[in-house]
Amino acid sequence: MPTQVPPTSIELPHKAYMLPEAVAMWPPVWWTWLVLAFLILLLLTGIALLWQRHRKRAYRREALQILKDTVADLSDKDCIMLCHEMIRRCLISEGKRQLAALPTEALVLELDEKTTAKYQFSTLSHNFISGPYRNRIKLSVEQRQHILNVTRYWIRKHHA
């Protein structure tokens, strides 16, 4: 059986090889609090701006919900009138009262200037412009759906 050697300490020849103690991680450098405060302020500002934008666009959500809820029960003429009403309500909510007061044909031309070609109101049939002023109007299912799609798109994307 081998004999056990007692543990011995190793002594370094010079104390110059001794390492200093580790630098403490706490407290952090003085400007850490400034950076942290700036990040918190930036986060709070972003949240406040998003909340303000959400509240400002409530009229859009309301108009889309009205279109979604009531359009199935309406006649073709009432559907077109509702689309006109929602467009004008959105313009008034946006603060564009003079634009909302324009006659339908002038309003459609004005709105088409800022809308992509696929979703312009001029792509709709003449029934969209003159429909509310006729006694009887008959739209096909595709025409009616196209009118609703263009109106919904404009409500969601407009920058009047």
N, C-alpha and C. Protein backbone atom coordinates (compact mmCIF):
# COMPACT_ATOMS: atom_id res chain seq x y z
N MET A 1 0.81 -1.16 0.00
CA MET A 1 0.00 0.00 0.00
C MET A 1 0.87 1.25 0.00
N PRO A 2 0.56 2.15 -0.91
CA PRO A 2 1.38 3.34 -0.98
C PRO A 2 1.12 4.23 0.21
N THR A 3 2.09 4.94 0.56
CA THR A 3 1.95 5.85 1.69
C THR A 3 1.39 7.18 1.18
N GLN A 4 0.58 7.77 1.98
CA GLN A 4 -0.02 9.03 1.59
C GLN A 4 0.93 10.17 1.93
N VAL A 5 0.99 11.06 0.93
CA VAL A 5 1.85 12.21 1.09
C VAL A 5 1.00 13.34 1.66
N PRO A 6 1.48 13.99 2.69
CA PRO A 6 0.67 15.08 3.23
C PRO A 6 0.62 16.24 2.23
N PRO A 7 -0.53 16.94 2.12
CA PRO A 7 -0.63 18.06 1.18
C PRO A 7 0.32 19.17 1.58
N THR A 8 0.92 19.74 0.56
CA THR A 8 1.84 20.84 0.81
C THR A 8 1.37 22.04 0.01
N SER A 9 1.60 23.20 0.50
CA SER A 9 1.23 24.41 -0.22
C SER A 9 2.35 24.80 -1.15
N ILE A 10 1.95 25.30 -2.27
CA ILE A 10 2.93 25.73 -3.24
C ILE A 10 3.14 27.22 -3.02
N GLU A 11 4.31 27.56 -2.80
CA GLU A 11 4.63 28.97 -2.60
C GLU A 11 5.25 29.51 -3.86
N LEU A 12 4.75 30.68 -4.24
CA LEU A 12 5.31 31.32 -5.41
C LEU A 12 6.62 31.98 -5.02
N PRO A 13 7.53 32.05 -5.98
CA PRO A 13 8.83 32.59 -5.63
C PRO A 13 8.77 34.10 -5.36
N HIS A 14 7.89 34.81 -6.05
CA HIS A 14 7.81 36.25 -5.84
C HIS A 14 6.36 36.67 -5.67
N LYS A 15 6.13 37.67 -4.91
CA LYS A 15 4.78 38.18 -4.71
C LYS A 15 4.32 39.02 -5.90
N ALA A 16 5.19 39.30 -6.84
CA ALA A 16 4.83 40.08 -8.01
C ALA A 16 3.86 39.31 -8.92
N TYR A 17 3.85 38.00 -8.79
CA TYR A 17 2.95 37.20 -9.61
C TYR A 17 1.55 37.10 -9.02
N MET A 18 1.31 37.70 -7.93
CA MET A 18 0.00 37.65 -7.29
C MET A 18 -0.98 38.50 -8.10
N LEU A 19 -2.16 37.97 -8.37
CA LEU A 19 -3.18 38.69 -9.13
C LEU A 19 -3.99 39.56 -8.18
N PRO A 20 -4.47 40.73 -8.70
CA PRO A 20 -5.31 41.57 -7.83
C PRO A 20 -6.68 40.94 -7.67
N GLU A 21 -7.42 41.44 -6.70
CA GLU A 21 -8.78 40.94 -6.50
C GLU A 21 -9.65 41.35 -7.67
N ALA A 22 -10.70 40.58 -7.95
CA ALA A 22 -11.60 40.86 -9.07
C ALA A 22 -12.35 42.17 -8.80
N VAL A 23 -12.64 42.89 -9.88
CA VAL A 23 -13.40 44.14 -9.77
C VAL A 23 -14.86 43.78 -9.50
N ALA A 24 -15.45 44.46 -8.57
CA ALA A 24 -16.83 44.17 -8.19
C ALA A 24 -17.79 44.56 -9.31
N MET A 25 -18.86 43.78 -9.49
CA MET A 25 -19.86 44.07 -10.51
C MET A 25 -20.89 45.08 -10.01
N TRP A 26 -20.91 45.30 -8.73
CA TRP A 26 -21.88 46.23 -8.15
C TRP A 26 -21.17 47.16 -7.25
N PRO A 27 -21.41 48.37 -7.25
CA PRO A 27 -22.38 49.16 -8.01
C PRO A 27 -21.88 49.39 -9.42
N PRO A 28 -22.82 49.51 -10.38
CA PRO A 28 -22.42 49.73 -11.77
C PRO A 28 -21.86 51.13 -11.96
N VAL A 29 -21.39 51.37 -13.18
CA VAL A 29 -20.81 52.68 -13.46
C VAL A 29 -21.89 53.75 -13.34
N TRP A 30 -21.49 54.99 -13.17
CA TRP A 30 -22.42 56.07 -12.86
C TRP A 30 -23.44 56.32 -13.96
N TRP A 31 -23.10 56.10 -15.22
CA TRP A 31 -24.02 56.43 -16.31
C TRP A 31 -25.00 55.31 -16.63
N THR A 32 -24.89 54.18 -15.94
CA THR A 32 -25.83 53.09 -16.14
C THR A 32 -27.25 53.54 -15.82
N TRP A 33 -27.40 54.34 -14.79
CA TRP A 33 -28.73 54.81 -14.39
C TRP A 33 -29.30 55.77 -15.43
N LEU A 34 -28.45 56.55 -16.07
CA LEU A 34 -28.94 57.43 -17.12
C LEU A 34 -29.43 56.64 -18.32
N VAL A 35 -28.69 55.63 -18.72
CA VAL A 35 -29.10 54.80 -19.85
C VAL A 35 -30.39 54.06 -19.52
N LEU A 36 -30.48 53.52 -18.31
CA LEU A 36 -31.69 52.81 -17.90
C LEU A 36 -32.89 53.76 -17.87
N ALA A 37 -32.72 54.95 -17.34
CA ALA A 37 -33.81 55.93 -17.31
C ALA A 37 -34.23 56.32 -18.73
N PHE A 38 -33.25 56.50 -19.63
CA PHE A 38 -33.57 56.84 -21.02
C PHE A 38 -34.35 55.72 -21.69
N LEU A 39 -33.97 54.47 -21.46
CA LEU A 39 -34.68 53.34 -22.06
C LEU A 39 -36.10 53.23 -21.52
N ILE A 40 -36.28 53.45 -20.25
CA ILE A 40 -37.63 53.41 -19.66
C ILE A 40 -38.48 54.54 -20.22
N LEU A 41 -37.91 55.72 -20.34
CA LEU A 41 -38.62 56.86 -20.90
C LEU A 41 -38.99 56.60 -22.36
N LEU A 42 -38.08 56.01 -23.11
CA LEU A 42 -38.35 55.67 -24.51
C LEU A 42 -39.48 54.65 -24.62
N LEU A 43 -39.48 53.66 -23.76
CA LEU A 43 -40.53 52.65 -23.74
C LEU A 43 -41.88 53.27 -23.41
N LEU A 44 -41.92 54.11 -22.39
CA LEU A 44 -43.17 54.77 -21.99
C LEU A 44 -43.70 55.69 -23.09
N THR A 45 -42.80 56.40 -23.76
CA THR A 45 -43.20 57.27 -24.86
C THR A 45 -43.79 56.45 -26.01
N GLY A 46 -43.16 55.35 -26.34
CA GLY A 46 -43.67 54.47 -27.40
C GLY A 46 -45.05 53.92 -27.07
N ILE A 47 -45.23 53.50 -25.83
CA ILE A 47 -46.54 52.99 -25.41
C ILE A 47 -47.59 54.09 -25.48
N ALA A 48 -47.24 55.30 -25.03
CA ALA A 48 -48.19 56.42 -25.07
C ALA A 48 -48.57 56.77 -26.51
N LEU A 49 -47.60 56.76 -27.42
CA LEU A 49 -47.90 57.07 -28.82
C LEU A 49 -48.78 56.00 -29.46
N LEU A 50 -48.52 54.73 -29.15
CA LEU A 50 -49.36 53.66 -29.68
C LEU A 50 -50.78 53.74 -29.12
N TRP A 51 -50.91 54.08 -27.85
CA TRP A 51 -52.24 54.22 -27.24
C TRP A 51 -53.00 55.38 -27.87
N GLN A 52 -52.31 56.48 -28.09
CA GLN A 52 -52.93 57.65 -28.72
C GLN A 52 -53.39 57.31 -30.15
N ARG A 53 -52.57 56.59 -30.88
CA ARG A 53 -52.92 56.19 -32.24
C ARG A 53 -54.12 55.26 -32.23
N HIS A 54 -54.16 54.34 -31.27
CA HIS A 54 -55.28 53.41 -31.14
C HIS A 54 -56.58 54.16 -30.88
N ARG A 55 -56.54 55.12 -29.98
CA ARG A 55 -57.73 55.90 -29.66
C ARG A 55 -58.15 56.79 -30.81
N LYS A 56 -57.16 57.33 -31.53
CA LYS A 56 -57.46 58.22 -32.65
C LYS A 56 -58.13 57.48 -33.80
N ARG A 57 -57.85 56.21 -33.95
CA ARG A 57 -58.41 55.42 -35.05
C ARG A 57 -59.65 54.63 -34.66
N ALA A 58 -60.24 54.96 -33.54
CA ALA A 58 -61.44 54.24 -33.09
C ALA A 58 -62.59 54.41 -34.07
N TYR A 59 -62.69 55.55 -34.72
CA TYR A 59 -63.77 55.78 -35.67
C TYR A 59 -63.69 54.80 -36.85
N ARG A 60 -62.48 54.40 -37.21
CA ARG A 60 -62.33 53.42 -38.30
C ARG A 60 -62.89 52.06 -37.88
N ARG A 61 -62.53 51.64 -36.69
CA ARG A 61 -63.03 50.36 -36.21
C ARG A 61 -64.55 50.37 -36.09
N GLU A 62 -65.09 51.49 -35.63
CA GLU A 62 -66.54 51.61 -35.49
C GLU A 62 -67.23 51.55 -36.86
N ALA A 63 -66.68 52.26 -37.84
CA ALA A 63 -67.28 52.25 -39.18
C ALA A 63 -67.22 50.85 -39.80
N LEU A 64 -66.10 50.17 -39.65
CA LEU A 64 -65.98 48.82 -40.19
C LEU A 64 -66.96 47.86 -39.50
N GLN A 65 -67.15 48.05 -38.20
CA GLN A 65 -68.08 47.19 -37.47
C GLN A 65 -69.52 47.44 -37.92
N ILE A 66 -69.88 48.70 -38.15
CA ILE A 66 -71.22 49.01 -38.63
C ILE A 66 -71.45 48.38 -40.00
N LEU A 67 -70.46 48.51 -40.88
CA LEU A 67 -70.59 47.88 -42.21
C LEU A 67 -70.75 46.37 -42.08
N LYS A 68 -69.97 45.78 -41.21
CA LYS A 68 -70.02 44.32 -41.05
C LYS A 68 -71.36 43.85 -40.49
N ASP A 69 -71.89 44.60 -39.53
CA ASP A 69 -73.11 44.17 -38.84
C ASP A 69 -74.39 44.42 -39.64
N THR A 70 -74.47 45.53 -40.36
CA THR A 70 -75.75 45.92 -40.94
C THR A 70 -75.89 45.67 -42.43
N VAL A 71 -74.81 45.42 -43.14
CA VAL A 71 -74.88 45.37 -44.60
C VAL A 71 -75.68 44.18 -45.12
N ALA A 72 -75.73 43.10 -44.40
CA ALA A 72 -76.43 41.90 -44.88
C ALA A 72 -77.95 42.12 -44.93
N ASP A 73 -78.46 42.97 -44.07
CA ASP A 73 -79.90 43.17 -43.97
C ASP A 73 -80.42 44.28 -44.87
N LEU A 74 -79.55 44.99 -45.57
CA LEU A 74 -79.95 46.18 -46.32
C LEU A 74 -80.21 45.88 -47.78
N SER A 75 -81.05 46.71 -48.37
CA SER A 75 -81.25 46.63 -49.82
C SER A 75 -80.03 47.22 -50.51
N ASP A 76 -79.98 47.09 -51.83
CA ASP A 76 -78.83 47.61 -52.57
C ASP A 76 -78.69 49.12 -52.41
N LYS A 77 -79.79 49.83 -52.51
CA LYS A 77 -79.76 51.29 -52.37
C LYS A 77 -79.29 51.68 -50.97
N ASP A 78 -79.83 51.02 -49.95
CA ASP A 78 -79.43 51.33 -48.57
C ASP A 78 -77.97 50.97 -48.31
N CYS A 79 -77.51 49.92 -48.96
CA CYS A 79 -76.10 49.53 -48.82
C CYS A 79 -75.19 50.61 -49.38
N ILE A 80 -75.53 51.13 -50.56
CA ILE A 80 -74.73 52.20 -51.17
C ILE A 80 -74.79 53.45 -50.30
N MET A 81 -75.97 53.77 -49.79
CA MET A 81 -76.11 54.96 -48.93
C MET A 81 -75.28 54.81 -47.64
N LEU A 82 -75.26 53.60 -47.09
CA LEU A 82 -74.46 53.35 -45.90
C LEU A 82 -72.97 53.52 -46.19
N CYS A 83 -72.53 53.05 -47.35
CA CYS A 83 -71.12 53.22 -47.74
C CYS A 83 -70.78 54.71 -47.85
N HIS A 84 -71.66 55.48 -48.47
CA HIS A 84 -71.45 56.93 -48.57
C HIS A 84 -71.40 57.56 -47.19
N GLU A 85 -72.32 57.15 -46.33
CA GLU A 85 -72.38 57.72 -44.98
C GLU A 85 -71.11 57.40 -44.19
N MET A 86 -70.62 56.17 -44.29
CA MET A 86 -69.41 55.79 -43.55
C MET A 86 -68.20 56.57 -44.06
N ILE A 87 -68.11 56.77 -45.37
CA ILE A 87 -67.00 57.55 -45.92
C ILE A 87 -67.06 58.97 -45.41
N ARG A 88 -68.23 59.58 -45.44
CA ARG A 88 -68.36 60.97 -44.96
C ARG A 88 -68.13 61.07 -43.46
N ARG A 89 -68.58 60.09 -42.69
CA ARG A 89 -68.33 60.12 -41.24
C ARG A 89 -66.84 60.02 -40.94
N CYS A 90 -66.14 59.19 -41.70
CA CYS A 90 -64.69 59.07 -41.51
C CYS A 90 -64.00 60.39 -41.85
N LEU A 91 -64.43 61.04 -42.91
CA LEU A 91 -63.83 62.32 -43.27
C LEU A 91 -64.08 63.38 -42.20
N ILE A 92 -65.29 63.40 -41.67
CA ILE A 92 -65.60 64.37 -40.61
C ILE A 92 -64.78 64.06 -39.35
N SER A 93 -64.66 62.79 -39.01
CA SER A 93 -63.85 62.42 -37.84
C SER A 93 -62.39 62.77 -38.02
N GLU A 94 -61.93 62.73 -39.26
CA GLU A 94 -60.54 63.07 -39.57
C GLU A 94 -60.34 64.58 -39.58
N GLY A 95 -61.44 65.33 -39.56
CA GLY A 95 -61.35 66.79 -39.55
C GLY A 95 -61.44 67.41 -40.94
N LYS A 96 -61.88 66.66 -41.91
CA LYS A 96 -62.00 67.13 -43.30
C LYS A 96 -63.47 67.41 -43.62
N ARG A 97 -64.05 68.38 -42.93
CA ARG A 97 -65.46 68.70 -43.12
C ARG A 97 -65.76 69.24 -44.52
N GLN A 98 -64.86 70.05 -45.06
CA GLN A 98 -65.10 70.61 -46.39
C GLN A 98 -65.09 69.51 -47.45
N LEU A 99 -64.22 68.54 -47.29
CA LEU A 99 -64.18 67.43 -48.23
C LEU A 99 -65.43 66.57 -48.10
N ALA A 100 -65.91 66.37 -46.89
CA ALA A 100 -67.12 65.57 -46.67
C ALA A 100 -68.35 66.27 -47.22
N ALA A 101 -68.32 67.59 -47.33
CA ALA A 101 -69.47 68.35 -47.81
C ALA A 101 -69.56 68.39 -49.33
N LEU A 102 -68.56 67.89 -50.02
CA LEU A 102 -68.57 67.90 -51.48
C LEU A 102 -69.69 67.01 -52.02
N PRO A 103 -70.20 67.33 -53.21
CA PRO A 103 -71.15 66.39 -53.85
C PRO A 103 -70.46 65.06 -54.11
N THR A 104 -71.24 64.04 -54.25
CA THR A 104 -70.71 62.68 -54.34
C THR A 104 -69.70 62.52 -55.47
N GLU A 105 -70.02 63.03 -56.65
CA GLU A 105 -69.13 62.85 -57.80
C GLU A 105 -67.79 63.54 -57.57
N ALA A 106 -67.80 64.77 -57.03
CA ALA A 106 -66.55 65.48 -56.74
C ALA A 106 -65.78 64.80 -55.61
N LEU A 107 -66.51 64.28 -54.65
CA LEU A 107 -65.87 63.58 -53.53
C LEU A 107 -65.15 62.33 -54.02
N VAL A 108 -65.79 61.57 -54.88
CA VAL A 108 -65.18 60.35 -55.41
C VAL A 108 -63.91 60.69 -56.19
N LEU A 109 -63.95 61.73 -56.99
CA LEU A 109 -62.74 62.14 -57.74
C LEU A 109 -61.62 62.55 -56.79
N GLU A 110 -61.97 63.25 -55.73
CA GLU A 110 -60.97 63.70 -54.76
C GLU A 110 -60.36 62.52 -54.00
N LEU A 111 -61.20 61.56 -53.64
CA LEU A 111 -60.70 60.40 -52.90
C LEU A 111 -59.84 59.49 -53.78
N ASP A 112 -60.16 59.43 -55.06
CA ASP A 112 -59.40 58.57 -55.97
C ASP A 112 -57.98 59.07 -56.18
N GLU A 113 -57.73 60.35 -55.95
CA GLU A 113 -56.37 60.88 -56.13
C GLU A 113 -55.37 60.26 -55.16
N LYS A 114 -55.85 59.86 -53.99
CA LYS A 114 -54.95 59.35 -52.95
C LYS A 114 -55.10 57.85 -52.72
N THR A 115 -55.79 57.17 -53.63
CA THR A 115 -56.04 55.74 -53.46
C THR A 115 -55.35 54.96 -54.57
N THR A 116 -54.94 53.75 -54.27
CA THR A 116 -54.31 52.91 -55.29
C THR A 116 -55.32 52.57 -56.38
N ALA A 117 -54.83 52.27 -57.56
CA ALA A 117 -55.69 52.07 -58.73
C ALA A 117 -56.68 50.93 -58.54
N LYS A 118 -56.29 49.89 -57.86
CA LYS A 118 -57.17 48.74 -57.69
C LYS A 118 -58.40 49.07 -56.84
N TYR A 119 -58.24 49.97 -55.90
CA TYR A 119 -59.32 50.28 -54.96
C TYR A 119 -59.88 51.68 -55.15
N GLN A 120 -59.86 52.20 -56.34
CA GLN A 120 -60.43 53.51 -56.57
C GLN A 120 -61.93 53.39 -56.75
N PHE A 121 -62.64 54.42 -56.31
CA PHE A 121 -64.09 54.43 -56.43
C PHE A 121 -64.53 54.56 -57.88
N SER A 122 -63.67 55.08 -58.74
CA SER A 122 -64.02 55.20 -60.15
C SER A 122 -64.09 53.83 -60.82
N THR A 123 -63.50 52.80 -60.21
CA THR A 123 -63.60 51.45 -60.77
C THR A 123 -64.98 50.85 -60.52
N LEU A 124 -65.74 51.44 -59.61
CA LEU A 124 -67.09 50.95 -59.34
C LEU A 124 -68.02 51.42 -60.45
N SER A 125 -69.14 50.78 -60.54
CA SER A 125 -70.09 51.17 -61.58
C SER A 125 -70.67 52.55 -61.24
N HIS A 126 -71.37 53.11 -62.22
CA HIS A 126 -72.01 54.41 -62.03
C HIS A 126 -73.07 54.34 -60.92
N ASN A 127 -73.47 53.12 -60.58
CA ASN A 127 -74.47 52.93 -59.53
C ASN A 127 -73.98 53.45 -58.18
N PHE A 128 -72.68 53.41 -57.94
CA PHE A 128 -72.16 53.88 -56.65
C PHE A 128 -72.37 55.39 -56.49
N ILE A 129 -72.19 56.12 -57.58
CA ILE A 129 -72.32 57.58 -57.49
C ILE A 129 -73.78 58.00 -57.53
N SER A 130 -74.52 57.45 -58.45
CA SER A 130 -75.90 57.90 -58.62
C SER A 130 -76.91 57.00 -57.92
N GLY A 131 -76.48 55.92 -57.33
CA GLY A 131 -77.38 54.97 -56.69
C GLY A 131 -78.31 55.55 -55.64
N PRO A 132 -77.81 56.40 -54.75
CA PRO A 132 -78.71 56.93 -53.72
C PRO A 132 -79.81 57.83 -54.27
N TYR A 133 -79.68 58.29 -55.51
CA TYR A 133 -80.65 59.22 -56.07
C TYR A 133 -81.64 58.53 -56.99
N ARG A 134 -81.54 57.23 -57.15
CA ARG A 134 -82.47 56.47 -57.98
C ARG A 134 -83.52 55.80 -57.12
N ASN A 135 -84.69 55.59 -57.75
CA ASN A 135 -85.77 54.91 -57.03
C ASN A 135 -85.45 53.43 -56.84
N ARG A 136 -85.10 52.79 -57.94
CA ARG A 136 -84.82 51.36 -57.87
C ARG A 136 -83.43 51.12 -58.43
N ILE A 137 -82.72 50.30 -57.73
CA ILE A 137 -81.37 49.96 -58.18
C ILE A 137 -81.16 48.48 -57.91
N LYS A 138 -80.54 47.81 -58.85
CA LYS A 138 -80.29 46.37 -58.70
C LYS A 138 -78.81 46.12 -58.96
N LEU A 139 -78.14 45.59 -57.97
CA LEU A 139 -76.72 45.26 -58.09
C LEU A 139 -76.56 43.75 -58.11
N SER A 140 -75.59 43.28 -58.86
CA SER A 140 -75.25 41.86 -58.78
C SER A 140 -74.49 41.62 -57.48
N VAL A 141 -74.35 40.37 -57.13
CA VAL A 141 -73.63 40.03 -55.90
C VAL A 141 -72.18 40.50 -55.99
N GLU A 142 -71.58 40.35 -57.17
CA GLU A 142 -70.19 40.77 -57.35
C GLU A 142 -70.04 42.28 -57.24
N GLN A 143 -70.98 43.02 -57.83
CA GLN A 143 -70.93 44.49 -57.74
C GLN A 143 -71.06 44.96 -56.29
N ARG A 144 -72.02 44.37 -55.62
CA ARG A 144 -72.24 44.75 -54.21
C ARG A 144 -71.00 44.45 -53.37
N GLN A 145 -70.44 43.27 -53.56
CA GLN A 145 -69.25 42.89 -52.80
C GLN A 145 -68.07 43.78 -53.14
N HIS A 146 -67.94 44.15 -54.40
CA HIS A 146 -66.84 45.04 -54.81
C HIS A 146 -67.01 46.42 -54.18
N ILE A 147 -68.22 46.94 -54.13
CA ILE A 147 -68.48 48.23 -53.49
C ILE A 147 -68.10 48.17 -52.02
N LEU A 148 -68.50 47.10 -51.35
CA LEU A 148 -68.18 46.95 -49.93
C LEU A 148 -66.67 46.79 -49.71
N ASN A 149 -66.01 46.03 -50.56
CA ASN A 149 -64.56 45.84 -50.41
C ASN A 149 -63.80 47.14 -50.60
N VAL A 150 -64.19 47.92 -51.60
CA VAL A 150 -63.52 49.21 -51.84
C VAL A 150 -63.76 50.15 -50.67
N THR A 151 -64.98 50.18 -50.16
CA THR A 151 -65.30 51.05 -49.02
C THR A 151 -64.52 50.63 -47.78
N ARG A 152 -64.48 49.34 -47.52
CA ARG A 152 -63.72 48.85 -46.35
C ARG A 152 -62.23 49.17 -46.49
N TYR A 153 -61.71 48.96 -47.68
CA TYR A 153 -60.29 49.26 -47.91
C TYR A 153 -60.01 50.74 -47.67
N TRP A 154 -60.87 51.60 -48.20
CA TRP A 154 -60.66 53.04 -48.02
C TRP A 154 -60.73 53.41 -46.54
N ILE A 155 -61.68 52.86 -45.81
CA ILE A 155 -61.81 53.18 -44.38
C ILE A 155 -60.54 52.75 -43.63
N ARG A 156 -60.01 51.58 -43.95
CA ARG A 156 -58.81 51.10 -43.26
C ARG A 156 -57.57 51.89 -43.63
N LYS A 157 -57.42 52.27 -44.88
CA LYS A 157 -56.15 52.80 -45.37
C LYS A 157 -56.13 54.30 -45.65
N HIS A 158 -57.23 55.00 -45.50
CA HIS A 158 -57.25 56.39 -45.97
C HIS A 158 -56.36 57.30 -45.12
N HIS A 159 -55.85 58.29 -45.78
CA HIS A 159 -55.10 59.38 -45.14
C HIS A 159 -55.65 60.66 -45.73
N ALA A 160 -56.88 60.92 -45.42
CA ALA A 160 -57.58 62.05 -46.03
C ALA A 160 -56.96 63.38 -45.67
